[in-house]
Amino acid sequence: MRTKLLHESEGQRTFAVVLAPGEEVTECLLSFARENGIGAAAVSAIGALRRATVAFYDFETAEYVPIPLDEQLEVLTLAGDIALGDDDEPRLHLHAALGKR
């Protein structure tokens, strides 16, 4: 993972985070948030994935149902946020639009 601070003003920072092939998106973003003291942030991204697991919330069971996607995918949009959980650890909430390459 490579990172660069692009802008900083009045306590707000904008970073570029570039993952290398094979790096895990959520693991890298959470690690980056911890290392940089980020407790609240907006996230947006584009790119490609070799495989992914997405999920939907099943209201009847009150659980997320994982859907593994084991193929090359284009990330058309990835948007969401980072916020601190009850344990003061960063949590991700992301939505993605994916397409086949």
Protein backbone atom coordinates (compact mmCIF):
# COMPACT_ATOMS: atom_id res chain seq x y z
CA MET A 1 0.00 0.00 0.00
CA ARG A 2 1.26 3.44 -0.95
CA THR A 3 -0.19 6.60 0.54
CA LYS A 4 0.20 10.32 -0.03
CA LEU A 5 -1.22 13.30 1.82
CA LEU A 6 -2.75 15.44 -0.93
CA HIS A 7 -4.22 18.31 1.08
CA GLU A 8 -4.51 19.52 4.66
CA SER A 9 -6.49 22.52 5.87
CA GLU A 10 -8.29 23.43 9.10
CA GLY A 11 -7.82 19.96 10.59
CA GLN A 12 -9.08 18.10 7.52
CA ARG A 13 -6.83 15.90 5.40
CA THR A 14 -7.22 14.29 1.98
CA PHE A 15 -5.16 11.20 1.21
CA ALA A 16 -4.59 9.04 -1.85
CA VAL A 17 -4.26 5.36 -0.94
CA VAL A 18 -3.06 2.99 -3.68
CA LEU A 19 -3.16 -0.74 -3.08
CA ALA A 20 -0.84 -3.20 -4.78
CA PRO A 21 -2.22 -6.27 -6.56
CA GLY A 22 -3.21 -8.87 -4.00
CA GLU A 23 -3.65 -6.48 -1.08
CA GLU A 24 -6.97 -6.78 0.77
CA VAL A 25 -9.08 -3.61 0.61
CA THR A 26 -10.72 -3.61 4.04
CA GLU A 27 -7.57 -4.74 5.84
CA CYS A 28 -5.49 -1.98 4.22
CA LEU A 29 -8.05 0.78 4.80
CA LEU A 30 -8.53 -0.14 8.46
CA SER A 31 -4.78 -0.33 9.01
CA PHE A 32 -4.34 3.05 7.34
CA ALA A 33 -7.08 4.57 9.53
CA ARG A 34 -5.48 3.23 12.72
CA GLU A 35 -1.97 4.38 11.76
CA ASN A 36 -3.18 7.89 10.88
CA GLY A 37 -5.59 8.42 13.77
CA ILE A 38 -8.61 8.60 11.47
CA GLY A 39 -11.87 8.28 13.37
CA ALA A 40 -14.20 9.80 10.79
CA ALA A 41 -13.71 9.92 7.03
CA ALA A 42 -15.41 9.71 3.67
CA VAL A 43 -14.10 7.01 1.32
CA SER A 44 -14.32 6.88 -2.47
CA ALA A 45 -12.43 4.63 -4.86
CA ILE A 46 -12.16 3.09 -8.31
CA GLY A 47 -9.99 0.25 -9.57
CA ALA A 48 -10.11 -3.48 -10.08
CA LEU A 49 -10.33 -6.60 -7.91
CA ARG A 50 -9.32 -10.20 -8.51
CA ARG A 51 -12.07 -11.40 -6.21
CA ALA A 52 -14.38 -9.91 -3.60
CA THR A 53 -16.97 -10.77 -1.02
CA VAL A 54 -19.98 -8.49 -0.93
CA ALA A 55 -22.98 -8.86 1.33
CA PHE A 56 -26.57 -7.79 1.70
CA TYR A 57 -28.55 -7.31 4.89
CA ASP A 58 -31.35 -9.82 5.36
CA PHE A 59 -34.03 -8.08 7.40
CA GLU A 60 -35.73 -11.37 8.34
CA THR A 61 -32.61 -12.85 9.95
CA ALA A 62 -31.03 -9.49 10.91
CA GLU A 63 -27.71 -10.70 9.48
CA TYR A 64 -25.48 -9.91 6.54
CA VAL A 65 -25.43 -12.64 3.88
CA PRO A 66 -22.03 -12.89 2.15
CA ILE A 67 -21.77 -13.33 -1.62
CA PRO A 68 -18.30 -14.43 -2.79
CA LEU A 69 -17.30 -13.24 -6.27
CA ASP A 70 -14.30 -15.18 -7.54
CA GLU A 71 -13.53 -13.40 -10.80
CA GLN A 72 -11.82 -10.30 -12.17
CA LEU A 73 -14.03 -7.27 -11.40
CA GLU A 74 -13.92 -3.60 -12.23
CA VAL A 75 -14.75 -1.25 -9.32
CA LEU A 76 -17.00 1.29 -10.99
CA THR A 77 -17.71 3.06 -7.70
CA LEU A 78 -16.77 2.43 -4.09
CA ALA A 79 -18.21 4.90 -1.60
CA GLY A 80 -18.73 4.96 2.12
CA ASP A 81 -17.17 6.01 5.36
CA ILE A 82 -14.89 5.20 8.25
CA ALA A 83 -16.23 5.76 11.76
CA LEU A 84 -15.21 4.66 15.23
CA GLY A 85 -17.11 1.76 16.75
CA ASP A 86 -18.13 1.42 20.40
CA ASP A 87 -14.64 0.02 21.08
CA ASP A 88 -12.98 3.14 19.56
CA GLU A 89 -11.67 1.06 16.63
CA PRO A 90 -12.29 2.24 13.07
CA ARG A 91 -15.08 0.51 11.14
CA LEU A 92 -15.79 0.60 7.40
CA HIS A 93 -19.20 0.99 5.81
CA LEU A 94 -18.81 0.71 2.04
CA HIS A 95 -21.09 0.36 -0.97
CA ALA A 96 -19.77 -0.82 -4.32
CA ALA A 97 -20.85 -0.94 -7.93
CA LEU A 98 -18.88 -3.71 -9.64
CA GLY A 99 -18.68 -4.77 -13.27
CA LYS A 100 -17.08 -7.66 -15.09
CA ARG A 101 -13.92 -6.84 -17.00
